[in-house]
């Protein structure tokens, strides 16, 4: 489940020439739930519903040393937002 995070530093090396593209520095695109909500607010949206679906599996220790458990255990985010006129 966390393979994309565990192996991101070696992704370009392991999958040279693959059709899948990563960022220029080789890292995968990731955004935390907090960052997503901030992006929405900064874009002028009013978040009206925000529900995080938390998985029951526990992240590997090596990822918990670098990333928060809440971010790692958030599977999906169901949200609604309105953009006020103006």
N, C-alpha and C. Protein backbone atom coordinates (compact mmCIF):
# COMPACT_ATOMS: atom_id res chain seq x y z
N UNK A 1 0.81 -1.20 0.00
CA UNK A 1 0.00 0.00 0.00
C UNK A 1 0.86 1.27 0.00
N UNK A 2 2.00 1.23 0.64
CA UNK A 2 2.86 2.41 0.72
C UNK A 2 4.08 2.26 -0.19
N UNK A 3 4.02 1.35 -1.13
CA UNK A 3 5.17 1.08 -1.99
C UNK A 3 5.64 2.30 -2.76
N UNK A 4 4.70 3.14 -3.21
CA UNK A 4 5.09 4.32 -3.97
C UNK A 4 5.90 5.29 -3.12
N UNK A 5 5.69 5.28 -1.81
CA UNK A 5 6.47 6.14 -0.92
C UNK A 5 7.78 5.47 -0.51
N UNK A 6 7.73 4.16 -0.31
CA UNK A 6 8.93 3.44 0.11
C UNK A 6 10.00 3.44 -0.98
N UNK A 7 9.57 3.40 -2.23
CA UNK A 7 10.52 3.22 -3.33
C UNK A 7 10.64 4.44 -4.23
N UNK A 8 10.11 5.59 -3.82
CA UNK A 8 10.09 6.75 -4.71
C UNK A 8 11.48 7.24 -5.09
N UNK A 9 12.46 7.12 -4.20
CA UNK A 9 13.79 7.64 -4.50
C UNK A 9 14.50 6.84 -5.58
N UNK A 10 14.08 5.59 -5.79
CA UNK A 10 14.71 4.74 -6.80
C UNK A 10 13.79 4.51 -8.01
N UNK A 11 12.68 5.23 -8.07
CA UNK A 11 11.67 4.97 -9.10
C UNK A 11 12.25 5.13 -10.51
N UNK A 12 12.88 6.27 -10.79
CA UNK A 12 13.40 6.50 -12.14
C UNK A 12 14.47 5.48 -12.52
N UNK A 13 15.25 5.07 -11.55
CA UNK A 13 16.30 4.07 -11.80
C UNK A 13 15.68 2.71 -12.09
N UNK A 14 14.68 2.33 -11.30
CA UNK A 14 14.06 1.00 -11.45
C UNK A 14 13.15 0.91 -12.67
N UNK A 15 12.56 2.02 -13.09
CA UNK A 15 11.59 2.01 -14.19
C UNK A 15 12.02 2.95 -15.31
N UNK A 16 13.26 2.84 -15.72
CA UNK A 16 13.77 3.67 -16.81
C UNK A 16 12.98 3.40 -18.08
N UNK A 17 12.60 4.48 -18.75
CA UNK A 17 11.90 4.33 -20.01
C UNK A 17 10.44 3.94 -19.89
N UNK A 18 9.92 3.81 -18.68
CA UNK A 18 8.52 3.44 -18.51
C UNK A 18 7.64 4.60 -18.97
N UNK A 19 6.40 4.30 -19.31
CA UNK A 19 5.48 5.34 -19.76
C UNK A 19 5.07 6.26 -18.62
N UNK A 20 5.23 5.79 -17.39
CA UNK A 20 4.82 6.59 -16.24
C UNK A 20 5.84 7.69 -15.99
N UNK A 21 5.39 8.90 -15.80
CA UNK A 21 6.29 10.04 -15.59
C UNK A 21 6.21 10.52 -14.15
N UNK A 22 7.35 10.94 -13.62
CA UNK A 22 7.42 11.54 -12.29
C UNK A 22 7.85 12.98 -12.44
N UNK A 23 7.97 13.69 -11.35
CA UNK A 23 8.49 15.06 -11.36
C UNK A 23 9.93 15.05 -11.86
N UNK A 24 10.45 16.19 -12.30
CA UNK A 24 11.83 16.24 -12.81
C UNK A 24 12.88 15.72 -11.82
N UNK A 25 12.63 15.90 -10.53
CA UNK A 25 13.60 15.42 -9.54
C UNK A 25 13.43 13.94 -9.21
N UNK A 26 12.45 13.29 -9.84
CA UNK A 26 12.24 11.86 -9.65
C UNK A 26 11.24 11.51 -8.57
N UNK A 27 10.73 12.48 -7.83
CA UNK A 27 9.77 12.17 -6.78
C UNK A 27 8.37 12.09 -7.37
N UNK A 28 7.50 11.37 -6.70
CA UNK A 28 6.12 11.26 -7.15
C UNK A 28 5.32 12.44 -6.60
N UNK A 29 4.24 12.78 -7.30
CA UNK A 29 3.36 13.84 -6.81
C UNK A 29 2.61 13.33 -5.59
N UNK A 30 2.68 14.09 -4.51
CA UNK A 30 1.94 13.75 -3.29
C UNK A 30 1.43 15.05 -2.69
N UNK A 31 0.33 14.99 -2.04
CA UNK A 31 -0.19 16.14 -1.33
C UNK A 31 -0.83 15.61 -0.04
N UNK A 32 -0.61 16.31 1.06
CA UNK A 32 -1.21 15.88 2.32
C UNK A 32 -2.64 16.41 2.38
N UNK A 33 -3.48 15.83 3.25
CA UNK A 33 -4.84 16.35 3.40
C UNK A 33 -4.84 17.84 3.78
N UNK A 34 -3.94 18.25 4.64
CA UNK A 34 -3.86 19.65 5.05
C UNK A 34 -3.54 20.54 3.84
N UNK A 35 -2.57 20.12 3.03
CA UNK A 35 -2.20 20.90 1.86
C UNK A 35 -3.36 21.01 0.87
N UNK A 36 -4.07 19.91 0.66
CA UNK A 36 -5.20 19.94 -0.26
C UNK A 36 -6.24 20.96 0.19
N UNK A 37 -6.57 20.93 1.48
CA UNK A 37 -7.56 21.88 1.99
C UNK A 37 -7.06 23.31 1.85
N UNK A 38 -5.78 23.54 2.13
CA UNK A 38 -5.20 24.88 1.99
C UNK A 38 -5.24 25.35 0.55
N UNK A 39 -4.92 24.47 -0.40
CA UNK A 39 -4.98 24.84 -1.82
C UNK A 39 -6.39 25.26 -2.21
N UNK A 40 -7.39 24.52 -1.72
CA UNK A 40 -8.77 24.86 -2.04
C UNK A 40 -9.14 26.24 -1.48
N UNK A 41 -8.78 26.48 -0.24
CA UNK A 41 -9.10 27.76 0.41
C UNK A 41 -8.38 28.91 -0.29
N UNK A 42 -7.10 28.72 -0.58
CA UNK A 42 -6.33 29.77 -1.24
C UNK A 42 -6.82 30.05 -2.66
N UNK A 43 -7.47 29.08 -3.27
CA UNK A 43 -8.03 29.28 -4.62
C UNK A 43 -9.39 29.96 -4.56
N UNK A 44 -9.85 30.29 -3.36
CA UNK A 44 -11.10 31.02 -3.21
C UNK A 44 -12.32 30.17 -2.93
N UNK A 45 -12.14 28.89 -2.67
CA UNK A 45 -13.27 28.02 -2.39
C UNK A 45 -13.59 28.00 -0.91
N UNK A 46 -14.85 27.79 -0.60
CA UNK A 46 -15.29 27.56 0.78
C UNK A 46 -15.59 26.08 0.91
N UNK A 47 -14.81 25.38 1.72
CA UNK A 47 -14.98 23.94 1.89
C UNK A 47 -16.19 23.72 2.79
N UNK A 48 -17.22 23.07 2.25
CA UNK A 48 -18.46 22.87 3.00
C UNK A 48 -18.56 21.48 3.62
N UNK A 49 -17.88 20.51 3.03
CA UNK A 49 -17.87 19.14 3.55
C UNK A 49 -16.46 18.59 3.42
N UNK A 50 -16.00 17.94 4.48
CA UNK A 50 -14.66 17.35 4.45
C UNK A 50 -14.68 16.09 5.29
N UNK A 51 -14.53 14.94 4.65
CA UNK A 51 -14.55 13.66 5.37
C UNK A 51 -13.38 12.80 4.89
N UNK A 52 -12.50 12.49 5.80
CA UNK A 52 -11.35 11.65 5.48
C UNK A 52 -11.67 10.19 5.77
N UNK A 53 -11.38 9.32 4.83
CA UNK A 53 -11.56 7.89 5.01
C UNK A 53 -10.22 7.34 5.48
N UNK A 54 -10.19 6.82 6.69
CA UNK A 54 -8.95 6.32 7.29
C UNK A 54 -8.87 4.81 7.13
N UNK A 55 -7.75 4.33 6.61
CA UNK A 55 -7.56 2.89 6.45
C UNK A 55 -7.13 2.28 7.79
N UNK A 56 -7.31 0.99 7.92
CA UNK A 56 -7.00 0.33 9.19
C UNK A 56 -5.59 -0.25 9.23
N UNK A 57 -4.94 -0.35 8.06
CA UNK A 57 -3.56 -0.86 8.05
C UNK A 57 -2.62 0.15 8.69
N UNK A 58 -1.52 -0.34 9.22
CA UNK A 58 -0.56 0.55 9.87
C UNK A 58 0.66 0.73 8.99
N UNK A 59 1.10 1.97 8.81
CA UNK A 59 2.24 2.26 7.93
C UNK A 59 3.54 1.67 8.46
N UNK A 60 4.49 1.41 7.57
CA UNK A 60 5.81 0.91 7.99
C UNK A 60 6.55 1.96 8.83
N UNK A 61 7.32 1.49 9.77
CA UNK A 61 8.06 2.36 10.68
C UNK A 61 8.95 3.37 9.94
N UNK A 62 9.60 2.92 8.86
CA UNK A 62 10.52 3.82 8.15
C UNK A 62 9.80 5.02 7.53
N UNK A 63 8.51 4.86 7.19
CA UNK A 63 7.74 6.01 6.69
C UNK A 63 7.26 6.89 7.82
N UNK A 64 6.94 6.28 8.96
CA UNK A 64 6.50 7.06 10.11
C UNK A 64 7.59 7.97 10.65
N UNK A 65 8.84 7.66 10.33
CA UNK A 65 9.95 8.53 10.75
C UNK A 65 9.98 9.80 9.92
N UNK A 66 9.37 9.77 8.72
CA UNK A 66 9.41 10.92 7.81
C UNK A 66 8.07 11.62 7.62
N UNK A 67 6.97 10.87 7.77
CA UNK A 67 5.65 11.41 7.46
C UNK A 67 4.69 11.13 8.60
N UNK A 68 3.64 11.93 8.70
CA UNK A 68 2.70 11.74 9.81
C UNK A 68 1.81 10.51 9.57
N UNK A 69 1.44 9.85 10.65
CA UNK A 69 0.59 8.66 10.54
C UNK A 69 -0.76 9.03 9.95
N UNK A 70 -1.30 10.19 10.33
CA UNK A 70 -2.60 10.62 9.81
C UNK A 70 -2.55 10.76 8.29
N UNK A 71 -1.50 11.37 7.77
CA UNK A 71 -1.37 11.53 6.32
C UNK A 71 -1.23 10.17 5.63
N UNK A 72 -0.47 9.28 6.24
CA UNK A 72 -0.25 7.96 5.64
C UNK A 72 -1.50 7.09 5.67
N UNK A 73 -2.36 7.29 6.65
CA UNK A 73 -3.53 6.44 6.80
C UNK A 73 -4.78 7.02 6.14
N UNK A 74 -4.69 8.23 5.56
CA UNK A 74 -5.82 8.81 4.85
C UNK A 74 -5.86 8.20 3.46
N UNK A 75 -6.93 7.47 3.17
CA UNK A 75 -7.06 6.79 1.89
C UNK A 75 -7.74 7.69 0.86
N UNK A 76 -8.93 8.14 1.18
CA UNK A 76 -9.69 9.02 0.30
C UNK A 76 -10.20 10.20 1.10
N UNK A 77 -10.43 11.30 0.42
CA UNK A 77 -11.05 12.45 1.04
C UNK A 77 -12.28 12.79 0.22
N UNK A 78 -13.42 12.77 0.90
CA UNK A 78 -14.67 13.15 0.26
C UNK A 78 -14.96 14.58 0.67
N UNK A 79 -15.01 15.49 -0.31
CA UNK A 79 -15.25 16.88 0.06
C UNK A 79 -16.12 17.58 -0.96
N UNK A 80 -16.72 18.66 -0.50
CA UNK A 80 -17.49 19.55 -1.38
C UNK A 80 -17.05 20.96 -1.07
N UNK A 81 -17.05 21.80 -2.09
CA UNK A 81 -16.63 23.18 -1.91
C UNK A 81 -17.42 24.08 -2.84
N UNK A 82 -17.68 25.28 -2.38
CA UNK A 82 -18.36 26.29 -3.19
C UNK A 82 -17.39 27.42 -3.47
N UNK A 83 -17.51 28.02 -4.62
CA UNK A 83 -16.71 29.19 -4.93
C UNK A 83 -17.66 30.38 -4.99
N UNK A 84 -17.62 31.22 -3.95
CA UNK A 84 -18.54 32.38 -3.93
C UNK A 84 -18.30 33.29 -5.13
N UNK A 85 -19.39 33.85 -5.65
CA UNK A 85 -19.29 34.77 -6.77
C UNK A 85 -18.56 36.03 -6.32
N UNK A 86 -17.80 36.59 -7.22
CA UNK A 86 -17.15 37.85 -6.86
C UNK A 86 -15.80 37.94 -7.25
